[in-house]
Protein backbone atom coordinates (compact mmCIF):
# COMPACT_ATOMS: atom_id res chain seq x y z
CA MET A 1 19.76 13.34 41.95
CA CYS A 2 20.08 13.42 38.43
CA GLY A 3 17.72 10.31 38.28
CA ARG A 4 15.19 12.00 39.76
CA PRO A 5 14.39 14.74 37.51
CA LEU A 6 14.52 12.13 34.19
CA LEU A 7 12.10 10.13 35.97
CA VAL A 8 9.91 12.62 36.84
CA LEU A 9 10.01 13.98 33.19
CA LEU A 10 9.19 10.06 32.13
CA PHE A 11 6.35 9.63 34.07
CA SER A 12 4.69 13.37 33.08
CA LEU A 13 5.34 11.95 29.47
CA CYS A 14 3.47 8.67 30.62
CA LEU A 15 0.35 10.51 32.11
CA GLY A 16 0.02 12.79 28.87
CA ALA A 17 0.17 10.37 26.36
CA GLY A 18 -2.46 8.14 28.60
CA SER A 19 -4.81 11.59 28.85
CA LEU A 20 -4.51 12.10 24.70
CA SER A 21 -5.45 8.56 24.13
CA SER A 22 -8.32 8.68 26.31
CA ALA A 23 -9.40 11.59 25.07
CA GLN A 24 -9.73 10.36 21.48
CA LYS A 25 -13.43 9.07 20.41
CA PRO A 26 -13.23 5.68 18.42
CA VAL A 27 -14.55 6.64 14.79
CA ALA A 28 -18.06 5.77 14.61
CA LEU A 29 -18.98 3.50 11.45
CA SER A 30 -21.80 2.83 9.08
CA GLU A 31 -23.88 -0.53 8.97
CA PHE A 32 -22.61 -1.10 4.99
CA GLU A 33 -18.37 -0.40 7.19
CA LEU A 34 -19.28 -2.63 9.19
CA LYS A 35 -20.82 -5.64 7.02
CA GLY A 36 -18.11 -4.93 4.42
CA LEU A 37 -15.41 -5.86 7.65
CA ILE A 38 -17.42 -8.76 8.19
CA ARG A 39 -17.11 -10.01 4.29
CA ALA A 40 -13.77 -9.49 4.40
CA VAL A 41 -13.41 -11.65 7.40
CA VAL A 42 -15.75 -14.53 6.20
CA THR A 43 -13.84 -14.30 3.07
CA ALA A 44 -10.40 -14.40 4.75
CA GLN A 45 -11.35 -17.35 6.64
CA ALA A 46 -12.69 -19.04 3.48
CA ASN A 47 -9.44 -18.48 1.71
CA CYS A 48 -7.49 -20.12 4.83
CA PHE A 49 -9.68 -22.86 4.62
CA LEU A 50 -8.80 -23.46 1.17
CA LYS A 51 -5.06 -23.33 1.57
CA LEU A 52 -4.61 -24.67 4.61
CA GLY A 53 -7.74 -26.96 5.75
CA ILE A 54 -8.14 -24.99 9.31
CA TYR A 55 -9.76 -21.89 10.10
CA ALA A 56 -7.09 -18.71 11.35
CA SER A 57 -7.36 -16.71 14.51
CA LEU A 58 -7.49 -12.74 13.71
CA ARG A 59 -4.59 -12.07 14.33
CA ASP A 60 -3.54 -14.77 11.37
CA LEU A 61 -6.12 -13.55 9.31
CA ALA A 62 -4.88 -9.92 9.33
CA GLY A 63 -2.23 -10.21 6.59
CA ASP A 64 -4.88 -11.50 3.98
CA GLU A 65 -5.71 -9.80 0.75
CA SER A 66 -9.50 -9.21 1.91
CA LEU A 67 -8.16 -7.73 5.00
CA ALA A 68 -5.40 -5.57 3.39
CA ALA A 69 -8.49 -2.34 2.67
CA ARG A 70 -9.72 -1.99 6.14
CA LYS A 71 -6.13 -3.42 8.34
CA ASN A 72 -5.37 0.33 9.13
CA MET A 73 -8.94 0.45 10.92
CA LEU A 74 -8.15 -2.78 12.74
CA ASN A 75 -6.98 -1.92 16.50
CA ILE A 76 -5.58 -6.16 17.17
CA LYS A 77 -5.69 -6.43 20.77
CA ASP A 78 -4.67 -9.66 20.63
CA ALA A 79 -5.35 -13.08 18.99
CA ASP A 80 -9.25 -13.09 18.95
CA PHE A 81 -9.81 -9.47 19.76
CA SER A 82 -9.78 -5.96 17.79
CA THR A 83 -11.27 -3.11 17.89
CA PHE A 84 -12.65 -1.39 14.85
CA GLY A 85 -14.17 2.38 15.27
CA ASP A 86 -16.35 2.06 17.85
CA TYR A 87 -16.92 -1.81 17.65
CA GLU A 88 -15.69 -4.34 18.83
CA LEU A 89 -14.47 -7.79 16.70
CA ARG A 90 -14.11 -11.19 17.62
CA VAL A 91 -13.08 -14.12 15.81
CA VAL A 92 -12.76 -17.32 18.05
CA VAL A 93 -11.70 -20.33 16.69
CA SER A 94 -12.38 -23.87 17.70
CA SER A 95 -9.05 -26.29 19.16
CA ASP A 96 -9.35 -28.18 16.31
CA GLY A 97 -9.43 -25.13 13.36
CA HIS A 98 -12.59 -26.54 11.92
CA HIS A 99 -15.18 -24.27 13.22
CA TYR A 100 -15.33 -20.05 14.05
CA LEU A 101 -17.77 -17.67 15.21
CA THR A 102 -17.03 -13.78 13.97
CA SER A 103 -18.52 -11.32 16.49
CA LEU A 104 -18.57 -7.71 15.63
CA THR A 105 -20.25 -5.46 18.54
CA LYS A 106 -21.19 -2.10 19.59
CA GLU A 107 -18.19 -1.28 22.13
CA ASN A 108 -20.77 0.45 24.63
CA GLY A 109 -24.48 1.20 24.34
CA CYS A 110 -27.26 0.49 21.56
CA GLY A 111 -26.18 -0.41 17.91
CA VAL A 112 -26.18 -3.42 15.23
CA ALA A 113 -24.08 -6.50 15.98
CA ILE A 114 -23.17 -8.86 12.85
CA PHE A 115 -22.09 -12.40 13.62
CA SER A 116 -20.85 -15.10 11.48
CA THR A 117 -19.81 -18.52 11.14
CA GLU A 118 -18.24 -21.40 9.50
CA HIS A 119 -21.35 -21.56 7.33
CA ALA A 120 -20.51 -17.76 5.97
CA VAL A 121 -24.40 -17.08 6.70
CA ILE A 122 -24.09 -13.06 8.02
CA TYR A 123 -26.58 -12.42 10.67
CA GLU A 124 -28.02 -9.19 11.59
CA ALA A 125 -29.24 -8.32 15.19
CA THR A 126 -29.84 -5.63 17.86
CA ALA A 127 -29.67 -5.77 21.98
CA LEU A 128 -32.43 -6.47 24.14
CA GLY A 129 -34.15 -3.14 24.36
CA CYS A 130 -31.98 -1.49 21.85
CA GLN A 131 -34.46 -0.13 18.93
């Protein structure tokens, strides 16, 4: 009998917490902030390659000093994926660690998309049908 009210209370708290987080909207970021993040990722990858001879996953890069200023805005979900405001950041590394692709794309709808590879060239684009 004592366990049932506790179970109901925990269930209510879980539902409340879930609705709270879904009501929060991601922060809209400027192109300057987005490009700054990609530059920081490219720099962190260069630092890693100079030290270890391989590129690293996003989770491993999170400790690099290049990303320190943005670390509190990154919401790392797994080794390759994070949200950054209303954008999704992906860092995919080849199995041998000698290549990587970084993409920063709008979570929903139209917006600027930014990409880079191990060549450290940063590309900017928009999705087809967006202006």
